[in-house]
C-alpha atoms as a PDB file:
ATOM      1  CA  UNK A   1      15.288  31.429  11.879  1.00  0.00           C
ATOM      2  CA  UNK A   2      14.277  33.190  14.763  1.00  0.00           C
ATOM      3  CA  UNK A   3      13.477  31.680  18.408  1.00  0.00           C
ATOM      4  CA  UNK A   4       9.813  31.837  17.551  1.00  0.00           C
ATOM      5  CA  UNK A   5       9.541  29.737  14.727  1.00  0.00           C
ATOM      6  CA  UNK A   6      11.596  26.709  16.228  1.00  0.00           C
ATOM      7  CA  UNK A   7       8.851  26.871  19.441  1.00  0.00           C
ATOM      8  CA  UNK A   8       6.352  26.307  16.972  1.00  0.00           C
ATOM      9  CA  UNK A   9       8.267  23.606  15.365  1.00  0.00           C
ATOM     10  CA  UNK A  10       8.425  21.804  19.170  1.00  0.00           C
ATOM     11  CA  UNK A  11       5.051  22.238  20.055  1.00  0.00           C
ATOM     12  CA  UNK A  12       3.924  20.926  16.889  1.00  0.00           C
ATOM     13  CA  UNK A  13       6.149  17.965  17.569  1.00  0.00           C
ATOM     14  CA  UNK A  14       4.518  17.601  21.273  1.00  0.00           C
ATOM     15  CA  UNK A  15       1.263  18.105  20.315  1.00  0.00           C
ATOM     16  CA  UNK A  16      -1.320  15.935  21.832  1.00  0.00           C
ATOM     17  CA  UNK A  17      -4.346  16.077  20.175  1.00  0.00           C
ATOM     18  CA  UNK A  18      -6.050  16.304  16.875  1.00  0.00           C
ATOM     19  CA  UNK A  19      -7.359  20.014  17.929  1.00  0.00           C
ATOM     20  CA  UNK A  20      -4.344  21.089  19.305  1.00  0.00           C
ATOM     21  CA  UNK A  21      -2.216  20.092  16.313  1.00  0.00           C
ATOM     22  CA  UNK A  22      -5.384  21.863  14.232  1.00  0.00           C
ATOM     23  CA  UNK A  23      -4.584  25.375  15.984  1.00  0.00           C
ATOM     24  CA  UNK A  24      -0.440  24.944  15.700  1.00  0.00           C
ATOM     25  CA  UNK A  25      -0.853  24.013  12.285  1.00  0.00           C
ATOM     26  CA  UNK A  26      -3.550  27.192  11.843  1.00  0.00           C
ATOM     27  CA  UNK A  27      -0.926  29.265  13.779  1.00  0.00           C
ATOM     28  CA  UNK A  28       1.787  27.738  11.499  1.00  0.00           C
ATOM     29  CA  UNK A  29      -0.088  29.146   8.231  1.00  0.00           C
ATOM     30  CA  UNK A  30      -0.159  32.306   9.058  1.00  0.00           C
ATOM     31  CA  UNK A  31       3.467  32.484  10.853  1.00  0.00           C
ATOM     32  CA  UNK A  32       4.678  31.612   7.347  1.00  0.00           C
ATOM     33  CA  UNK A  33       2.140  34.182   5.203  1.00  0.00           C
ATOM     34  CA  UNK A  34      -0.772  32.318   4.670  1.00  0.00           C
ATOM     35  CA  UNK A  35      -4.487  31.757   5.507  1.00  0.00           C
ATOM     36  CA  UNK A  36      -5.107  28.450   4.721  1.00  0.00           C
ATOM     37  CA  UNK A  37      -3.951  25.253   5.141  1.00  0.00           C
ATOM     38  CA  UNK A  38      -4.851  20.820   4.139  1.00  0.00           C
ATOM     39  CA  UNK A  39      -2.924  18.119   5.567  1.00  0.00           C
ATOM     40  CA  UNK A  40      -4.103  14.769   4.762  1.00  0.00           C
ATOM     41  CA  UNK A  41      -3.417  11.096   3.054  1.00  0.00           C
ATOM     42  CA  UNK A  42      -4.787  11.009  -0.602  1.00  0.00           C
ATOM     43  CA  UNK A  43      -7.301   8.631  -0.829  1.00  0.00           C
ATOM     44  CA  UNK A  44     -10.853   8.968  -1.738  1.00  0.00           C
ATOM     45  CA  UNK A  45     -12.798  11.129   0.559  1.00  0.00           C
ATOM     46  CA  UNK A  46     -16.398   9.839   0.002  1.00  0.00           C
ATOM     47  CA  UNK A  47     -15.348   7.155   1.680  1.00  0.00           C
ATOM     48  CA  UNK A  48     -11.727   7.286   3.500  1.00  0.00           C
ATOM     49  CA  UNK A  49     -10.359   4.376   5.148  1.00  0.00           C
ATOM     50  CA  UNK A  50     -10.060   4.731   8.875  1.00  0.00           C
ATOM     51  CA  UNK A  51      -6.119   4.963   8.673  1.00  0.00           C
ATOM     52  CA  UNK A  52      -6.556   8.436   6.582  1.00  0.00           C
ATOM     53  CA  UNK A  53      -5.226  11.481   8.330  1.00  0.00           C
ATOM     54  CA  UNK A  54      -7.167  14.800   7.462  1.00  0.00           C
ATOM     55  CA  UNK A  55      -6.781  18.076   8.915  1.00  0.00           C
ATOM     56  CA  UNK A  56      -7.650  21.095   7.112  1.00  0.00           C
ATOM     57  CA  UNK A  57      -9.840  24.554   7.255  1.00  0.00           C
ATOM     58  CA  UNK A  58     -10.161  25.174   3.841  1.00  0.00           C
ATOM     59  CA  UNK A  59     -13.882  27.200   3.091  1.00  0.00           C
ATOM     60  CA  UNK A  60     -16.299  24.115   4.054  1.00  0.00           C
ATOM     61  CA  UNK A  61     -18.122  25.033   0.832  1.00  0.00           C
ATOM     62  CA  UNK A  62     -15.179  24.236  -1.502  1.00  0.00           C
ATOM     63  CA  UNK A  63     -14.510  20.668   0.718  1.00  0.00           C
ATOM     64  CA  UNK A  64     -18.331  20.467  -0.178  1.00  0.00           C
ATOM     65  CA  UNK A  65     -17.475  20.673  -3.559  1.00  0.00           C
ATOM     66  CA  UNK A  66     -14.358  19.302  -4.243  1.00  0.00           C
ATOM     67  CA  UNK A  67     -15.797  16.092  -2.177  1.00  0.00           C
ATOM     68  CA  UNK A  68     -19.023  16.234  -4.158  1.00  0.00           C
ATOM     69  CA  UNK A  69     -17.611  16.888  -7.618  1.00  0.00           C
ATOM     70  CA  UNK A  70     -14.470  14.335  -7.191  1.00  0.00           C
ATOM     71  CA  UNK A  71     -11.792  16.739  -7.569  1.00  0.00           C
ATOM     72  CA  UNK A  72      -9.385  14.798  -5.608  1.00  0.00           C
ATOM     73  CA  UNK A  73      -9.252  12.371  -8.748  1.00  0.00           C
ATOM     74  CA  UNK A  74      -7.473  14.736 -10.715  1.00  0.00           C
ATOM     75  CA  UNK A  75      -6.170  17.628  -8.029  1.00  0.00           C
ATOM     76  CA  UNK A  76      -3.267  19.027 -10.270  1.00  0.00           C
ATOM     77  CA  UNK A  77      -1.174  19.370  -6.605  1.00  0.00           C
ATOM     78  CA  UNK A  78      -1.618  15.690  -5.715  1.00  0.00           C
ATOM     79  CA  UNK A  79      -0.559  15.185  -9.146  1.00  0.00           C
ATOM     80  CA  UNK A  80       2.562  17.231  -8.922  1.00  0.00           C
ATOM     81  CA  UNK A  81       3.605  15.897  -5.294  1.00  0.00           C
ATOM     82  CA  UNK A  82       3.910  12.419  -6.391  1.00  0.00           C
ATOM     83  CA  UNK A  83       7.095  13.328  -8.790  1.00  0.00           C
ATOM     84  CA  UNK A  84       9.378  14.560  -6.108  1.00  0.00           C
ATOM     85  CA  UNK A  85      10.152  14.421  -2.571  1.00  0.00           C
ATOM     86  CA  UNK A  86      10.577  18.502  -2.047  1.00  0.00           C
ATOM     87  CA  UNK A  87       8.250  20.904  -1.449  1.00  0.00           C
ATOM     88  CA  UNK A  88       7.208  22.927  -4.281  1.00  0.00           C
ATOM     89  CA  UNK A  89       4.815  26.197  -5.111  1.00  0.00           C
ATOM     90  CA  UNK A  90       1.681  26.058  -6.834  1.00  0.00           C
ATOM     91  CA  UNK A  91       3.164  28.931  -9.614  1.00  0.00           C
ATOM     92  CA  UNK A  92       5.608  25.851 -10.254  1.00  0.00           C
ATOM     93  CA  UNK A  93       2.891  23.395 -11.451  1.00  0.00           C
ATOM     94  CA  UNK A  94       2.947  24.082 -15.486  1.00  0.00           C
ATOM     95  CA  UNK A  95       6.435  23.016 -15.297  1.00  0.00           C
ATOM     96  CA  UNK A  96       5.807  20.052 -13.399  1.00  0.00           C
ATOM     97  CA  UNK A  97       3.069  18.325 -15.203  1.00  0.00           C
ATOM     98  CA  UNK A  98       1.002  19.007 -17.913  1.00  0.00           C
ATOM     99  CA  UNK A  99      -2.007  20.776 -16.987  1.00  0.00           C
ATOM    100  CA  UNK A 100      -5.133  19.272 -18.809  1.00  0.00           C
ATOM    101  CA  UNK A 101      -8.256  21.348 -18.855  1.00  0.00           C
ATOM    102  CA  UNK A 102      -9.787  20.255 -16.092  1.00  0.00           C
ATOM    103  CA  UNK A 103      -7.148  20.410 -14.132  1.00  0.00           C
ATOM    104  CA  UNK A 104      -7.037  24.004 -14.775  1.00  0.00           C
ATOM    105  CA  UNK A 105     -10.511  24.804 -14.116  1.00  0.00           C
ATOM    106  CA  UNK A 106      -9.847  23.187 -10.411  1.00  0.00           C
ATOM    107  CA  UNK A 107      -7.454  25.915 -10.183  1.00  0.00           C
ATOM    108  CA  UNK A 108      -9.731  28.094 -11.331  1.00  0.00           C
ATOM    109  CA  UNK A 109     -12.499  27.414  -9.006  1.00  0.00           C
ATOM    110  CA  UNK A 110     -10.238  26.911  -5.908  1.00  0.00           C
ATOM    111  CA  UNK A 111      -8.809  30.592  -6.301  1.00  0.00           C
ATOM    112  CA  UNK A 112     -12.344  31.680  -5.919  1.00  0.00           C
ATOM    113  CA  UNK A 113     -12.165  30.094  -2.039  1.00  0.00           C
ATOM    114  CA  UNK A 114      -8.671  31.997  -1.544  1.00  0.00           C
ATOM    115  CA  UNK A 115      -6.589  28.849  -2.370  1.00  0.00           C
ATOM    116  CA  UNK A 116      -4.322  30.714  -4.671  1.00  0.00           C
ATOM    117  CA  UNK A 117      -0.315  30.981  -4.398  1.00  0.00           C
ATOM    118  CA  UNK A 118       0.337  28.197  -2.521  1.00  0.00           C
ATOM    119  CA  UNK A 119       2.663  25.618  -1.487  1.00  0.00           C
ATOM    120  CA  UNK A 120       2.663  21.622  -1.085  1.00  0.00           C
ATOM    121  CA  UNK A 121       5.216  19.668   0.816  1.00  0.00           C
ATOM    122  CA  UNK A 122       5.016  16.298  -0.316  1.00  0.00           C
ATOM    123  CA  UNK A 123       4.754  13.842   2.592  1.00  0.00           C
ATOM    124  CA  UNK A 124       5.952   9.744   1.587  1.00  0.00           C
ATOM    125  CA  UNK A 125       6.157   7.231   3.778  1.00  0.00           C
ATOM    126  CA  UNK A 126       6.423   3.231   3.195  1.00  0.00           C
ATOM    127  CA  UNK A 127       3.442   1.797   4.000  1.00  0.00           C
ATOM    128  CA  UNK A 128       1.236   4.318   3.934  1.00  0.00           C
ATOM    129  CA  UNK A 129      -1.478   6.669   1.446  1.00  0.00           C
ATOM    130  CA  UNK A 130       0.580   8.940  -0.236  1.00  0.00           C
ATOM    131  CA  UNK A 131      -0.145  12.771   1.386  1.00  0.00           C
ATOM    132  CA  UNK A 132       0.751  16.259   1.456  1.00  0.00           C
ATOM    133  CA  UNK A 133       0.409  19.428   3.238  1.00  0.00           C
ATOM    134  CA  UNK A 134      -0.216  22.245   1.989  1.00  0.00           C
ATOM    135  CA  UNK A 135      -0.645  26.341   2.796  1.00  0.00           C
ATOM    136  CA  UNK A 136      -2.666  28.609   0.571  1.00  0.00           C
ATOM    137  CA  UNK A 137      -3.783  32.248   0.109  1.00  0.00           C
ATOM    138  CA  UNK A 138      -1.192  35.122   0.473  1.00  0.00           C
ATOM    139  CA  UNK A 139       2.777  34.366  -0.484  1.00  0.00           C
ATOM    140  CA  UNK A 140       4.583  36.867  -2.200  1.00  0.00           C
ATOM    141  CA  UNK A 141       7.180  35.742  -5.384  1.00  0.00           C
ATOM    142  CA  UNK A 142       9.888  37.407  -3.643  1.00  0.00           C
ATOM    143  CA  UNK A 143       9.829  34.879   0.043  1.00  0.00           C
ATOM    144  CA  UNK A 144       9.186  31.824  -2.427  1.00  0.00           C
ATOM    145  CA  UNK A 145      12.540  30.208  -1.285  1.00  0.00           C
ATOM    146  CA  UNK A 146      12.382  31.485   2.617  1.00  0.00           C
ATOM    147  CA  UNK A 147       8.805  30.128   2.038  1.00  0.00           C
ATOM    148  CA  UNK A 148       9.259  26.774   1.293  1.00  0.00           C
ATOM    149  CA  UNK A 149      12.016  25.626   3.872  1.00  0.00           C
ATOM    150  CA  UNK A 150       9.798  27.163   6.721  1.00  0.00           C
ATOM    151  CA  UNK A 151       6.360  25.203   4.807  1.00  0.00           C
ATOM    152  CA  UNK A 152       8.773  22.236   4.750  1.00  0.00           C
ATOM    153  CA  UNK A 153       9.919  21.823   8.069  1.00  0.00           C
ATOM    154  CA  UNK A 154       5.852  22.903   9.225  1.00  0.00           C
ATOM    155  CA  UNK A 155       4.330  20.346   6.991  1.00  0.00           C
ATOM    156  CA  UNK A 156       6.669  17.421   7.968  1.00  0.00           C
ATOM    157  CA  UNK A 157       6.745  17.580  11.522  1.00  0.00           C
ATOM    158  CA  UNK A 158       2.676  18.640  11.428  1.00  0.00           C
ATOM    159  CA  UNK A 159       1.836  15.104   9.469  1.00  0.00           C
ATOM    160  CA  UNK A 160       4.148  13.139  12.194  1.00  0.00           C
ATOM    161  CA  UNK A 161       2.580  14.201  14.730  1.00  0.00           C
ATOM    162  CA  UNK A 162      -0.702  13.723  13.549  1.00  0.00           C
ATOM    163  CA  UNK A 163       0.562   9.906  12.495  1.00  0.00           C
ATOM    164  CA  UNK A 164       1.123   9.745  16.265  1.00  0.00           C
ATOM    165  CA  UNK A 165      -2.126  10.796  17.202  1.00  0.00           C
ATOM    166  CA  UNK A 166      -4.304   9.019  15.393  1.00  0.00           C
ATOM    167  CA  UNK A 167      -2.408   5.858  16.294  1.00  0.00           C
ATOM    168  CA  UNK A 168      -3.126   6.599  19.784  1.00  0.00           C
ATOM    169  CA  UNK A 169      -6.558   7.814  19.033  1.00  0.00           C
ATOM    170  CA  UNK A 170      -7.378   4.143  17.157  1.00  0.00           C
ATOM    171  CA  UNK A 171      -4.872   2.265  19.636  1.00  0.00           C
ATOM    172  CA  UNK A 172      -3.560   0.339  16.370  1.00  0.00           C
ATOM    173  CA  UNK A 173       0.286  -0.329  15.402  1.00  0.00           C
ATOM    174  CA  UNK A 174       1.016   1.160  12.425  1.00  0.00           C
ATOM    175  CA  UNK A 175       1.621  -1.099   9.448  1.00  0.00           C
ATOM    176  CA  UNK A 176       5.601  -0.291   9.589  1.00  0.00           C
ATOM    177  CA  UNK A 177       5.827  -1.426  13.170  1.00  0.00           C
ATOM    178  CA  UNK A 178       5.013  -4.783  12.105  1.00  0.00           C
ATOM    179  CA  UNK A 179       7.158  -4.896   8.898  1.00  0.00           C
ATOM    180  CA  UNK A 180       8.990  -8.432   8.295  1.00  0.00           C
ATOM    181  CA  UNK A 181      12.677  -8.407   9.639  1.00  0.00           C
ATOM    182  CA  UNK A 182      14.105 -10.235   6.629  1.00  0.00           C
ATOM    183  CA  UNK A 183      17.525 -10.785   5.896  1.00  0.00           C
ATOM    184  CA  UNK A 184      20.153  -9.752   3.355  1.00  0.00           C
ATOM    185  CA  UNK A 185      19.293 -13.148   1.211  1.00  0.00           C
ATOM    186  CA  UNK A 186      16.022 -12.621   1.546  1.00  0.00           C
ATOM    187  CA  UNK A 187      15.730  -9.336   0.394  1.00  0.00           C
ATOM    188  CA  UNK A 188      18.149 -10.009  -2.563  1.00  0.00           C
ATOM    189  CA  UNK A 189      15.335 -13.252  -2.912  1.00  0.00           C
ATOM    190  CA  UNK A 190      12.945 -10.706  -3.344  1.00  0.00           C
ATOM    191  CA  UNK A 191      14.663  -8.195  -5.737  1.00  0.00           C
ATOM    192  CA  UNK A 192      14.697 -11.585  -8.384  1.00  0.00           C
ATOM    193  CA  UNK A 193      10.966 -12.595  -7.502  1.00  0.00           C
ATOM    194  CA  UNK A 194       9.850  -9.059  -8.638  1.00  0.00           C
ATOM    195  CA  UNK A 195      12.378  -9.064 -11.656  1.00  0.00           C
ATOM    196  CA  UNK A 196       9.927 -12.336 -12.812  1.00  0.00           C
ATOM    197  CA  UNK A 197      12.910 -15.213 -11.760  1.00  0.00           C
ATOM    198  CA  UNK A 198      11.803 -18.646 -11.164  1.00  0.00           C
ATOM    199  CA  UNK A 199      13.244 -20.846  -8.255  1.00  0.00           C
ATOM    200  CA  UNK A 200      16.177 -21.873 -10.631  1.00  0.00           C
ATOM    201  CA  UNK A 201      16.636 -18.764 -12.076  1.00  0.00           C
ATOM    202  CA  UNK A 202      17.277 -17.413  -8.205  1.00  0.00           C
ATOM    203  CA  UNK A 203      19.289 -20.035  -7.412  1.00  0.00           C
ATOM    204  CA  UNK A 204      21.536 -20.386  -9.974  1.00  0.00           C
ATOM    205  CA  UNK A 205      22.330 -16.646  -9.902  1.00  0.00           C
ATOM    206  CA  UNK A 206      22.829 -16.503  -5.864  1.00  0.00           C
ATOM    207  CA  UNK A 207      24.554 -20.159  -6.328  1.00  0.00           C
ATOM    208  CA  UNK A 208      22.222 -21.860  -3.937  1.00  0.00           C
ATOM    209  CA  UNK A 209      20.232 -24.897  -5.029  1.00  0.00           C
ATOM    210  CA  UNK A 210      17.376 -24.347  -6.343  1.00  0.00           C
ATOM    211  CA  UNK A 211      15.615 -26.057  -3.119  1.00  0.00           C
ATOM    212  CA  UNK A 212      17.503 -23.568  -1.148  1.00  0.00           C
ATOM    213  CA  UNK A 213      16.401 -20.629  -2.926  1.00  0.00           C
ATOM    214  CA  UNK A 214      12.312 -22.199  -2.660  1.00  0.00           C
ATOM    215  CA  UNK A 215      13.152 -22.362   1.290  1.00  0.00           C
ATOM    216  CA  UNK A 216      13.915 -18.884   0.615  1.00  0.00           C
ATOM    217  CA  UNK A 217      10.883 -17.694  -1.192  1.00  0.00           C
ATOM    218  CA  UNK A 218       8.361 -19.720   1.218  1.00  0.00           C
ATOM    219  CA  UNK A 219      10.050 -18.390   4.296  1.00  0.00           C
ATOM    220  CA  UNK A 220       9.477 -14.121   3.206  1.00  0.00           C
ATOM    221  CA  UNK A 221       5.548 -15.892   2.281  1.00  0.00           C
ATOM    222  CA  UNK A 222       5.217 -17.018   5.447  1.00  0.00           C
ATOM    223  CA  UNK A 223       6.498 -14.076   7.159  1.00  0.00           C
ATOM    224  CA  UNK A 224       4.063 -12.060   5.013  1.00  0.00           C
ATOM    225  CA  UNK A 225       1.298 -14.052   6.305  1.00  0.00           C
ATOM    226  CA  UNK A 226       1.121 -16.539   3.318  1.00  0.00           C
ATOM    227  CA  UNK A 227       1.259 -14.031   0.860  1.00  0.00           C
ATOM    228  CA  UNK A 228       1.147 -15.229  -2.921  1.00  0.00           C
ATOM    229  CA  UNK A 229       4.264 -14.300  -4.992  1.00  0.00           C
ATOM    230  CA  UNK A 230       2.571 -11.325  -6.982  1.00  0.00           C
ATOM    231  CA  UNK A 231       1.115 -10.173  -3.892  1.00  0.00           C
ATOM    232  CA  UNK A 232       3.943 -10.356  -2.310  1.00  0.00           C
ATOM    233  CA  UNK A 233       6.070  -8.072  -4.007  1.00  0.00           C
ATOM    234  CA  UNK A 234       3.314  -5.270  -4.705  1.00  0.00           C
ATOM    235  CA  UNK A 235       3.288  -5.362  -0.852  1.00  0.00           C
ATOM    236  CA  UNK A 236       7.011  -5.275  -0.640  1.00  0.00           C
ATOM    237  CA  UNK A 237       7.136  -2.534  -2.715  1.00  0.00           C
ATOM    238  CA  UNK A 238       4.683  -0.675  -0.831  1.00  0.00           C
ATOM    239  CA  UNK A 239       6.513  -0.876   2.432  1.00  0.00           C
ATOM    240  CA  UNK A 240       9.764  -0.365   1.388  1.00  0.00           C
ATOM    241  CA  UNK A 241      11.389  -3.351   1.628  1.00  0.00           C
ATOM    242  CA  UNK A 242      12.739  -3.081  -1.904  1.00  0.00           C
ATOM    243  CA  UNK A 243      12.355  -0.405  -4.302  1.00  0.00           C
ATOM    244  CA  UNK A 244      11.682  -0.514  -8.526  1.00  0.00           C
ATOM    245  CA  UNK A 245      15.264   0.515  -9.200  1.00  0.00           C
ATOM    246  CA  UNK A 246      16.278  -2.400  -7.457  1.00  0.00           C
ATOM    247  CA  UNK A 247      14.181  -4.421  -9.575  1.00  0.00           C
ATOM    248  CA  UNK A 248      14.364  -2.706 -13.082  1.00  0.00           C
ATOM    249  CA  UNK A 249      17.878  -2.063 -13.193  1.00  0.00           C
ATOM    250  CA  UNK A 250      19.013  -5.818 -14.639  1.00  0.00           C
ATOM    251  CA  UNK A 251      22.720  -4.027 -14.748  1.00  0.00           C
ATOM    252  CA  UNK A 252      22.815  -3.698 -10.687  1.00  0.00           C
ATOM    253  CA  UNK A 253      24.811  -6.570  -8.357  1.00  0.00           C
ATOM    254  CA  UNK A 254      22.163  -8.283  -6.216  1.00  0.00           C
ATOM    255  CA  UNK A 255      25.211  -9.139  -4.457  1.00  0.00           C
ATOM    256  CA  UNK A 256      25.355  -5.498  -3.294  1.00  0.00           C
ATOM    257  CA  UNK A 257      21.945  -4.746  -2.041  1.00  0.00           C
END
């Protein structure tokens, strides 16, 4: 890749305002052969939370129609983005998911606004809403491999910059900044809680007393502000403290965490 591209990446990483990042995203979009971009979290766009990120140069009429008709609830690009962390071309959607008639309609309608032959970069970070950075309008299939790599870099660093800018603007701390610092033993207990084990069963598996197991559970709850056990597991999964694989893989040794 040439110096101009890496210079663009460095400027994206250093962006200090939404307007600056918007301009750089527009520049990056055209650099890789597209005309439109959308970077944001996947949330209810009719009532977006204050912590959600959204930057786009999509046609305002399309944005208005999409929100008004709630296309985002059935967006096939969003649906495909939750299945993998790797960037993908929209031409691969039919291979990635089974498109419904409603999703086909959304794609056809979007194409009327120049949203076609695009690529999407999934952005998933524990403790945040799922998100994507998409580029549309103009890619040739012969360039697909190269374009996916360039789009991945632009999208990833742009989302990182947007996250930093939004936090600074709101003067709040990220959920990640206050994640409980759990011990290895507490993480083991969390996984067993996720598997539906009670204090006695946890103690037996970990070769500790039931009282000690209960104390671990209570300390974890306290670290999460007194959360009840069911909510605690959901929150720990959301935060990335533990994974679904650890919970669902009964053959996995807890001591190997």
